[in-house]
Amino acid sequence: MGSMVGGLSAVGVVGGAEEQQEGLVGTPISIMAPRADGFEVVWGVNGLCLGRVEWQGGDGETGVARADAMGLTPQGDDVLRVRVAGLKPGKSYRVRA
């Protein structure tokens, strides 16, 4: 599964269905707000928690994006959002939250 986002090809990955139902992750990630150098990642959670997004480029380059130093930017009681920036246009990336 993949999608083109602002000239970037991204693949989203989140834990298995069993983990989603019983753990803190409430929904699969949604990749939104594409830009030339990145995008926003939003996902639902089942309780107070920290969030981060890990990415890996096709060339093996990796990185981690956090909303702030604590990794927490709630959009409500049950939604987290992380902005991913600094990616190279035209490259493919795997994304995990």
Protein backbone atom coordinates (compact mmCIF):
# COMPACT_ATOMS: atom_id res chain seq x y z
CA MET A 1 0.00 0.00 0.00
CA GLY A 2 1.41 3.41 -0.89
CA SER A 3 0.35 6.88 -1.85
CA MET A 4 1.85 9.94 -3.49
CA VAL A 5 2.02 12.88 -1.10
CA GLY A 6 3.33 16.20 -2.41
CA GLY A 7 5.78 14.46 -4.76
CA LEU A 8 6.69 11.94 -2.04
CA SER A 9 5.62 8.31 -2.16
CA ALA A 10 4.69 7.16 1.35
CA VAL A 11 3.67 3.83 2.86
CA GLY A 12 1.90 3.85 6.23
CA VAL A 13 2.46 1.11 8.80
CA VAL A 14 0.80 0.68 12.20
CA GLY A 15 0.51 -2.27 14.60
CA GLY A 16 -1.73 -5.28 13.87
CA ALA A 17 -5.49 -5.26 14.36
CA GLU A 18 -5.27 -7.04 17.71
CA GLU A 19 -2.82 -4.41 19.03
CA GLN A 20 -5.05 -1.60 17.75
CA GLN A 21 -8.09 -2.93 19.62
CA GLU A 22 -6.36 -3.62 22.94
CA GLY A 23 -3.47 -1.11 22.98
CA LEU A 24 -3.21 2.65 22.84
CA VAL A 25 -3.44 2.93 19.05
CA GLY A 26 -7.11 3.37 18.17
CA THR A 27 -7.00 3.88 14.38
CA PRO A 28 -4.58 3.42 11.50
CA ILE A 29 -2.54 6.49 10.60
CA SER A 30 -3.85 9.03 8.08
CA ILE A 31 -1.29 10.89 5.97
CA MET A 32 -2.59 14.41 5.37
CA ALA A 33 -1.59 17.97 4.38
CA PRO A 34 1.05 17.10 1.76
CA ARG A 35 3.90 19.55 1.11
CA ALA A 36 6.98 19.34 -1.10
CA ASP A 37 9.13 18.33 1.90
CA GLY A 38 6.71 16.37 4.09
CA PHE A 39 3.20 15.87 5.42
CA GLU A 40 1.12 15.55 8.61
CA VAL A 41 0.30 12.20 10.23
CA VAL A 42 -2.86 11.90 12.34
CA TRP A 43 -4.11 8.86 14.26
CA GLY A 44 -6.57 7.98 16.99
CA VAL A 45 -5.52 6.76 20.42
CA ASN A 46 -7.41 5.05 23.24
CA GLY A 47 -5.82 6.98 26.12
CA LEU A 48 -3.23 9.53 27.15
CA CYS A 49 0.04 8.72 25.37
CA LEU A 50 3.00 10.11 23.45
CA GLY A 51 3.30 9.92 19.67
CA ARG A 52 6.06 9.93 17.11
CA VAL A 53 6.53 9.03 13.45
CA GLU A 54 9.52 7.04 12.19
CA TRP A 55 10.42 7.14 8.51
CA GLN A 56 12.83 5.36 6.22
CA GLY A 57 13.78 6.40 2.71
CA GLY A 58 14.46 4.02 -0.16
CA ASP A 59 18.16 4.87 0.18
CA GLY A 60 18.21 3.68 3.82
CA GLU A 61 18.09 7.17 5.36
CA THR A 62 15.98 7.21 8.55
CA GLY A 63 14.47 9.76 10.87
CA VAL A 64 11.99 10.41 13.66
CA ALA A 65 9.48 13.24 13.84
CA ARG A 66 7.81 14.34 17.05
CA ALA A 67 5.25 17.04 17.54
CA ASP A 68 7.32 18.54 20.37
CA ALA A 69 10.07 17.48 22.74
CA MET A 70 7.65 15.19 24.56
CA GLY A 71 6.17 13.72 21.36
CA LEU A 72 2.68 14.91 22.26
CA THR A 73 0.38 17.18 20.28
CA PRO A 74 -3.17 16.11 20.99
CA GLN A 75 -5.88 17.27 18.60
CA GLY A 76 -8.47 16.24 21.15
CA ASP A 77 -8.71 13.62 23.86
CA ASP A 78 -8.26 10.79 21.40
CA VAL A 79 -6.23 12.08 18.41
CA LEU A 80 -2.47 12.76 17.94
CA ARG A 81 -0.82 14.73 15.12
CA VAL A 82 2.84 14.82 14.06
CA ARG A 83 4.35 16.99 11.32
CA VAL A 84 7.02 15.28 9.18
CA ALA A 85 9.35 17.76 7.44
CA GLY A 86 12.71 17.80 5.68
CA LEU A 87 12.04 14.96 3.25
CA LYS A 88 13.32 14.99 -0.34
CA PRO A 89 10.70 15.48 -3.11
CA GLY A 90 10.39 12.58 -5.55
CA LYS A 91 11.70 9.97 -3.08
CA SER A 92 9.80 7.04 -1.56
CA TYR A 93 9.44 6.68 2.21
CA ARG A 94 8.03 4.10 4.61
CA VAL A 95 6.23 5.67 7.57
CA ARG A 96 5.44 4.14 10.97
CA ALA A 97 3.65 5.72 13.93
